[in-house]
């Protein structure tokens, strides 16, 4: 029996296994898959796990919301804007007039199985890399800050349209990873695949081009990307001490809160369509 240096479990080597690898066959396959996808891989002798609880939980929550929508009668393939709004989609006349919670809930509402399928595939690939590189707290902070800012950008540029989906937060994670890797904040014990930045750049360019199609909110994509780049630049490096890391994360959280509140207030003041609609509603009520 041998003990795998990656997962720590004991295994018996079969005749067909590679005699040059000390890892169990499952870890060899997992590391090869990570290398193909540009996910940083640990050196030999570092015990790691293949679980990604934050990414798995985020995907599970998105799928749960979608399942509830379908069970409540929402179209499986193409929900209407009214159906999406009823379940928390971003919509200017509601969001900018008191229902600010939509900036968050809209991140978990999707327009059909194709929409959520593509978003969850992207989140699975980017999320695993982010979770391993940045740690869970930085990952969660980056995800929600980018997602909420993307919702603000979307409601500012398209105030009269219903906007929903995780793509703004996913673009944010792409931006965070670009800044994090480019500024060499990654853990010293992880080997960063040289193709990773190129893959991220390709992902961003392709999806921005795809987002130019009618019915897709590129404002949310760009908003999430910009905020992600900013957050990734100010997040603490993996090598920072625990006290320094906590202080830096607190400052990042404060900066993010100020930026989100300020941009939300600005969006409300600078959106003439919503102001006109609000005035008309008051006139009718009087």
Protein backbone atom coordinates (compact mmCIF):
# COMPACT_ATOMS: atom_id res chain seq x y z
CA UNK A 1 0.00 0.00 0.00
CA UNK A 2 1.11 3.54 -0.75
CA UNK A 3 -0.06 6.88 0.61
CA UNK A 4 -0.92 9.56 -1.95
CA UNK A 5 0.94 12.83 -1.20
CA UNK A 6 -1.89 14.86 -2.73
CA UNK A 7 -5.04 13.56 -1.02
CA UNK A 8 -3.41 11.62 1.81
CA UNK A 9 -5.32 8.35 1.29
CA UNK A 10 -3.77 4.92 0.97
CA UNK A 11 -4.02 3.05 -2.32
CA UNK A 12 -2.60 0.01 -4.05
CA UNK A 13 -0.90 0.64 -7.37
CA UNK A 14 -2.28 -1.33 -10.31
CA UNK A 15 -0.24 -2.68 -13.19
CA UNK A 16 -1.55 -0.03 -15.57
CA UNK A 17 -0.78 2.97 -13.31
CA UNK A 18 2.19 5.23 -14.01
CA UNK A 19 5.20 3.90 -12.08
CA UNK A 20 6.78 7.38 -12.04
CA UNK A 21 3.96 9.13 -10.14
CA UNK A 22 3.60 8.84 -6.35
CA UNK A 23 -0.02 10.01 -6.60
CA UNK A 24 -3.11 7.84 -6.68
CA UNK A 25 -4.77 7.50 -10.12
CA UNK A 26 -7.64 9.79 -9.10
CA UNK A 27 -5.28 12.63 -8.12
CA UNK A 28 -3.22 12.17 -11.29
CA UNK A 29 -6.38 12.55 -13.34
CA UNK A 30 -7.55 15.55 -11.29
CA UNK A 31 -4.18 17.32 -11.59
CA UNK A 32 -4.08 16.65 -15.33
CA UNK A 33 -7.58 18.12 -15.69
CA UNK A 34 -6.59 21.20 -13.64
CA UNK A 35 -3.53 21.70 -15.87
CA UNK A 36 -5.68 21.47 -19.02
CA UNK A 37 -8.09 24.08 -17.63
CA UNK A 38 -5.34 26.47 -16.51
CA UNK A 39 -6.08 25.99 -12.80
CA UNK A 40 -2.95 26.34 -10.63
CA UNK A 41 -1.59 23.02 -9.43
CA UNK A 42 0.29 22.32 -6.20
CA UNK A 43 3.78 20.82 -6.12
CA UNK A 44 4.40 17.23 -5.13
CA UNK A 45 4.17 16.62 -1.41
CA UNK A 46 1.44 19.21 -0.76
CA UNK A 47 -1.73 17.60 0.53
CA UNK A 48 -4.77 19.24 -1.04
CA UNK A 49 -8.43 18.35 -1.38
CA UNK A 50 -10.52 18.32 -4.52
CA UNK A 51 -13.52 19.98 -2.86
CA UNK A 52 -14.53 23.56 -3.57
CA UNK A 53 -17.28 24.28 -1.00
CA UNK A 54 -17.85 27.97 -1.83
CA UNK A 55 -18.13 27.41 -5.57
CA UNK A 56 -20.31 24.36 -5.02
CA UNK A 57 -22.57 26.30 -2.62
CA UNK A 58 -22.97 29.23 -5.04
CA UNK A 59 -23.87 26.91 -7.89
CA UNK A 60 -26.25 24.99 -5.64
CA UNK A 61 -28.02 28.19 -4.56
CA UNK A 62 -28.44 29.32 -8.18
CA UNK A 63 -29.85 25.93 -9.15
CA UNK A 64 -32.18 25.91 -6.14
CA UNK A 65 -33.64 29.30 -7.08
CA UNK A 66 -34.12 28.13 -10.66
CA UNK A 67 -35.82 24.93 -9.49
CA UNK A 68 -38.18 26.90 -7.25
CA UNK A 69 -39.03 29.21 -10.15
CA UNK A 70 -39.85 26.27 -12.43
CA UNK A 71 -41.92 24.53 -9.74
CA UNK A 72 -43.88 27.75 -9.28
CA UNK A 73 -44.82 27.76 -12.96
CA UNK A 74 -42.05 29.87 -14.52
CA UNK A 75 -41.03 28.82 -18.03
CA UNK A 76 -38.15 26.30 -18.08
CA UNK A 77 -36.77 27.61 -21.37
CA UNK A 78 -37.64 31.29 -21.54
CA UNK A 79 -39.14 33.08 -18.53
CA UNK A 80 -40.85 36.36 -19.26
CA UNK A 81 -39.44 39.61 -17.81
CA UNK A 82 -42.48 39.80 -15.53
CA UNK A 83 -41.77 36.32 -14.16
CA UNK A 84 -38.12 37.18 -13.52
CA UNK A 85 -39.08 40.43 -11.79
CA UNK A 86 -41.51 38.54 -9.55
CA UNK A 87 -38.60 36.41 -8.32
CA UNK A 88 -36.20 39.30 -7.68
CA UNK A 89 -34.74 40.44 -11.01
CA UNK A 90 -33.22 43.93 -11.25
CA UNK A 91 -35.76 46.47 -12.56
CA UNK A 92 -35.20 50.22 -12.36
CA UNK A 93 -38.65 51.45 -11.28
CA UNK A 94 -38.57 48.97 -8.37
CA UNK A 95 -34.87 48.76 -7.53
CA UNK A 96 -34.23 52.51 -7.57
CA UNK A 97 -37.39 53.29 -5.63
CA UNK A 98 -36.73 51.32 -2.48
CA UNK A 99 -36.32 47.65 -3.43
CA UNK A 100 -32.52 47.71 -3.22
CA UNK A 101 -32.43 44.04 -2.29
CA UNK A 102 -32.94 43.30 -5.99
CA UNK A 103 -29.30 44.23 -6.59
CA UNK A 104 -28.45 41.04 -4.70
CA UNK A 105 -31.33 38.70 -5.53
CA UNK A 106 -31.01 39.34 -9.27
CA UNK A 107 -27.63 37.56 -9.14
CA UNK A 108 -29.46 34.26 -8.52
CA UNK A 109 -32.31 34.62 -11.03
CA UNK A 110 -31.87 33.30 -14.59
CA UNK A 111 -33.76 33.46 -17.89
CA UNK A 112 -34.06 29.76 -18.66
CA UNK A 113 -32.00 26.58 -18.60
CA UNK A 114 -29.53 27.71 -21.27
CA UNK A 115 -28.80 30.94 -19.40
CA UNK A 116 -28.15 29.25 -16.07
CA UNK A 117 -26.30 26.34 -17.68
CA UNK A 118 -23.74 28.60 -19.37
CA UNK A 119 -23.30 30.75 -16.26
CA UNK A 120 -22.82 27.79 -13.94
CA UNK A 121 -20.27 26.22 -16.30
CA UNK A 122 -18.26 29.46 -16.26
CA UNK A 123 -18.61 29.76 -12.48
CA UNK A 124 -17.41 26.20 -11.95
CA UNK A 125 -14.24 26.85 -13.95
CA UNK A 126 -13.40 30.34 -12.65
CA UNK A 127 -14.65 29.72 -9.13
CA UNK A 128 -12.41 26.73 -8.48
CA UNK A 129 -9.31 28.69 -9.50
CA UNK A 130 -10.36 31.69 -7.39
CA UNK A 131 -11.18 29.57 -4.35
CA UNK A 132 -7.81 27.83 -4.45
CA UNK A 133 -5.77 30.98 -5.13
CA UNK A 134 -7.46 33.58 -2.95
CA UNK A 135 -9.07 31.76 -0.05
CA UNK A 136 -12.74 31.63 0.84
CA UNK A 137 -13.20 35.04 2.48
CA UNK A 138 -11.55 36.97 -0.35
CA UNK A 139 -13.45 34.89 -2.89
CA UNK A 140 -16.86 35.52 -1.33
CA UNK A 141 -16.18 39.24 -0.85
CA UNK A 142 -15.04 39.61 -4.45
CA UNK A 143 -17.98 37.64 -5.84
CA UNK A 144 -20.71 39.60 -4.10
CA UNK A 145 -19.11 43.03 -4.47
CA UNK A 146 -18.62 42.48 -8.21
CA UNK A 147 -22.10 41.05 -8.63
CA UNK A 148 -23.86 43.88 -6.82
CA UNK A 149 -21.87 46.53 -8.70
CA UNK A 150 -22.76 44.82 -11.99
CA UNK A 151 -26.43 45.03 -10.99
CA UNK A 152 -26.05 48.76 -10.33
CA UNK A 153 -24.36 49.26 -13.71
CA UNK A 154 -27.11 47.32 -15.44
CA UNK A 155 -29.97 49.23 -13.82
CA UNK A 156 -28.24 52.53 -14.64
CA UNK A 157 -27.74 51.75 -18.35
CA UNK A 158 -30.99 49.84 -18.86
CA UNK A 159 -33.35 51.10 -16.12
CA UNK A 160 -36.54 49.99 -17.85
CA UNK A 161 -35.38 46.46 -18.61
CA UNK A 162 -35.40 43.39 -16.37
CA UNK A 163 -31.86 42.22 -15.65
CA UNK A 164 -30.80 39.01 -13.92
CA UNK A 165 -28.10 36.36 -13.83
CA UNK A 166 -24.73 35.51 -12.30
CA UNK A 167 -22.68 36.69 -15.28
CA UNK A 168 -21.80 40.07 -13.73
CA UNK A 169 -20.33 38.35 -10.66
CA UNK A 170 -18.56 35.82 -12.89
CA UNK A 171 -17.00 38.62 -14.95
CA UNK A 172 -15.99 40.15 -11.65
CA UNK A 173 -14.17 36.96 -10.68
CA UNK A 174 -12.37 36.98 -14.04
CA UNK A 175 -11.23 40.54 -13.32
CA UNK A 176 -10.16 39.64 -9.78
CA UNK A 177 -8.10 36.71 -11.05
CA UNK A 178 -6.40 38.83 -13.73
CA UNK A 179 -5.37 41.44 -11.16
CA UNK A 180 -4.47 38.86 -8.52
CA UNK A 181 -2.24 36.81 -10.83
CA UNK A 182 -0.76 39.79 -12.67
CA UNK A 183 0.29 41.43 -9.38
CA UNK A 184 1.76 38.09 -8.18
CA UNK A 185 -0.39 37.82 -5.07
CA UNK A 186 -0.87 34.09 -5.49
CA UNK A 187 0.32 31.51 -2.90
CA UNK A 188 4.00 30.69 -3.26
CA UNK A 189 3.38 26.93 -3.08
CA UNK A 190 1.11 26.93 -6.14
CA UNK A 191 2.39 26.73 -9.69
CA UNK A 192 0.50 29.16 -11.93
CA UNK A 193 -0.08 27.80 -15.40
CA UNK A 194 1.38 30.21 -17.96
CA UNK A 195 -1.79 29.88 -20.02
CA UNK A 196 -4.04 31.12 -17.22
CA UNK A 197 -3.92 34.86 -18.04
CA UNK A 198 -4.34 34.10 -21.73
CA UNK A 199 -7.36 31.93 -21.00
CA UNK A 200 -8.88 34.65 -18.82
CA UNK A 201 -8.30 37.24 -21.55
CA UNK A 202 -9.94 34.99 -24.12
CA UNK A 203 -12.90 34.37 -21.80
CA UNK A 204 -13.39 38.11 -21.23
CA UNK A 205 -13.06 39.08 -24.91
CA UNK A 206 -15.35 36.29 -26.15
CA UNK A 207 -18.08 36.97 -23.63
CA UNK A 208 -17.98 40.74 -24.16
CA UNK A 209 -18.39 40.12 -27.90
CA UNK A 210 -21.22 37.67 -27.20
CA UNK A 211 -22.76 40.20 -24.81
CA UNK A 212 -23.10 42.70 -27.64
CA UNK A 213 -26.01 40.63 -28.98
CA UNK A 214 -29.53 41.98 -28.38
CA UNK A 215 -31.11 41.05 -25.07
CA UNK A 216 -27.80 40.65 -23.18
CA UNK A 217 -26.63 43.28 -20.69
CA UNK A 218 -22.99 44.07 -21.42
CA UNK A 219 -23.29 46.89 -18.89
CA UNK A 220 -23.49 44.25 -16.16
CA UNK A 221 -20.52 42.38 -17.63
CA UNK A 222 -18.35 45.49 -17.87
CA UNK A 223 -19.44 46.73 -14.44
CA UNK A 224 -18.56 43.42 -12.82
CA UNK A 225 -15.24 43.25 -14.67
CA UNK A 226 -14.18 46.77 -13.64
CA UNK A 227 -15.08 46.21 -10.00
CA UNK A 228 -13.35 42.83 -10.07
CA UNK A 229 -10.13 44.35 -11.37
CA UNK A 230 -10.26 47.01 -8.62
CA UNK A 231 -10.98 44.54 -5.83
CA UNK A 232 -8.33 42.11 -7.07
CA UNK A 233 -5.75 44.90 -7.01
CA UNK A 234 -6.41 45.83 -3.36
CA UNK A 235 -6.98 42.36 -1.88
CA UNK A 236 -4.19 41.12 0.41
CA UNK A 237 -1.61 38.78 -1.07
CA UNK A 238 -1.73 35.14 -0.02
CA UNK A 239 1.69 35.56 1.64
CA UNK A 240 0.48 38.35 3.98
CA UNK A 241 0.45 37.66 7.71
CA UNK A 242 -2.91 36.82 9.31
CA UNK A 243 -3.20 40.18 11.12
CA UNK A 244 -2.23 42.12 8.00
CA UNK A 245 -4.66 40.05 5.95
CA UNK A 246 -7.57 40.76 8.31
CA UNK A 247 -6.81 44.48 8.36
CA UNK A 248 -6.58 44.62 4.58
CA UNK A 249 -9.81 42.67 4.10
CA UNK A 250 -11.60 45.03 6.49
CA UNK A 251 -10.39 48.02 4.47
CA UNK A 252 -11.44 46.34 1.23
CA UNK A 253 -14.92 45.68 2.69
CA UNK A 254 -15.26 49.32 3.76
CA UNK A 255 -14.06 50.58 0.37
CA UNK A 256 -16.50 48.23 -1.38
CA UNK A 257 -19.44 49.33 0.77
CA UNK A 258 -18.72 53.01 0.10
CA UNK A 259 -18.32 52.36 -3.63
CA UNK A 260 -21.56 50.37 -3.85
CA UNK A 261 -23.65 52.83 -1.86
CA UNK A 262 -22.20 55.80 -3.73
CA UNK A 263 -22.76 54.26 -7.15
CA UNK A 264 -26.32 53.23 -6.21
CA UNK A 265 -27.18 56.78 -5.10
CA UNK A 266 -25.61 58.18 -8.26
CA UNK A 267 -27.57 55.74 -10.43
CA UNK A 268 -30.84 56.87 -8.83
CA UNK A 269 -30.06 60.56 -9.36
CA UNK A 270 -28.76 60.15 -12.91
CA UNK A 271 -31.48 57.95 -14.36
CA UNK A 272 -34.01 60.27 -16.05
CA UNK A 273 -36.35 57.48 -17.25
CA UNK A 274 -37.01 56.31 -13.71
CA UNK A 275 -37.39 59.88 -12.44
CA UNK A 276 -39.99 60.58 -15.14
CA UNK A 277 -41.84 57.37 -14.36
CA UNK A 278 -41.83 58.14 -10.63
CA UNK A 279 -43.22 61.65 -11.29
CA UNK A 280 -45.96 60.20 -13.48
CA UNK A 281 -46.93 57.70 -10.80
CA UNK A 282 -47.15 60.47 -8.20
CA UNK A 283 -49.34 62.55 -10.54
CA UNK A 284 -51.72 59.64 -11.06
CA UNK A 285 -51.91 58.98 -7.32
CA UNK A 286 -52.78 62.59 -6.59
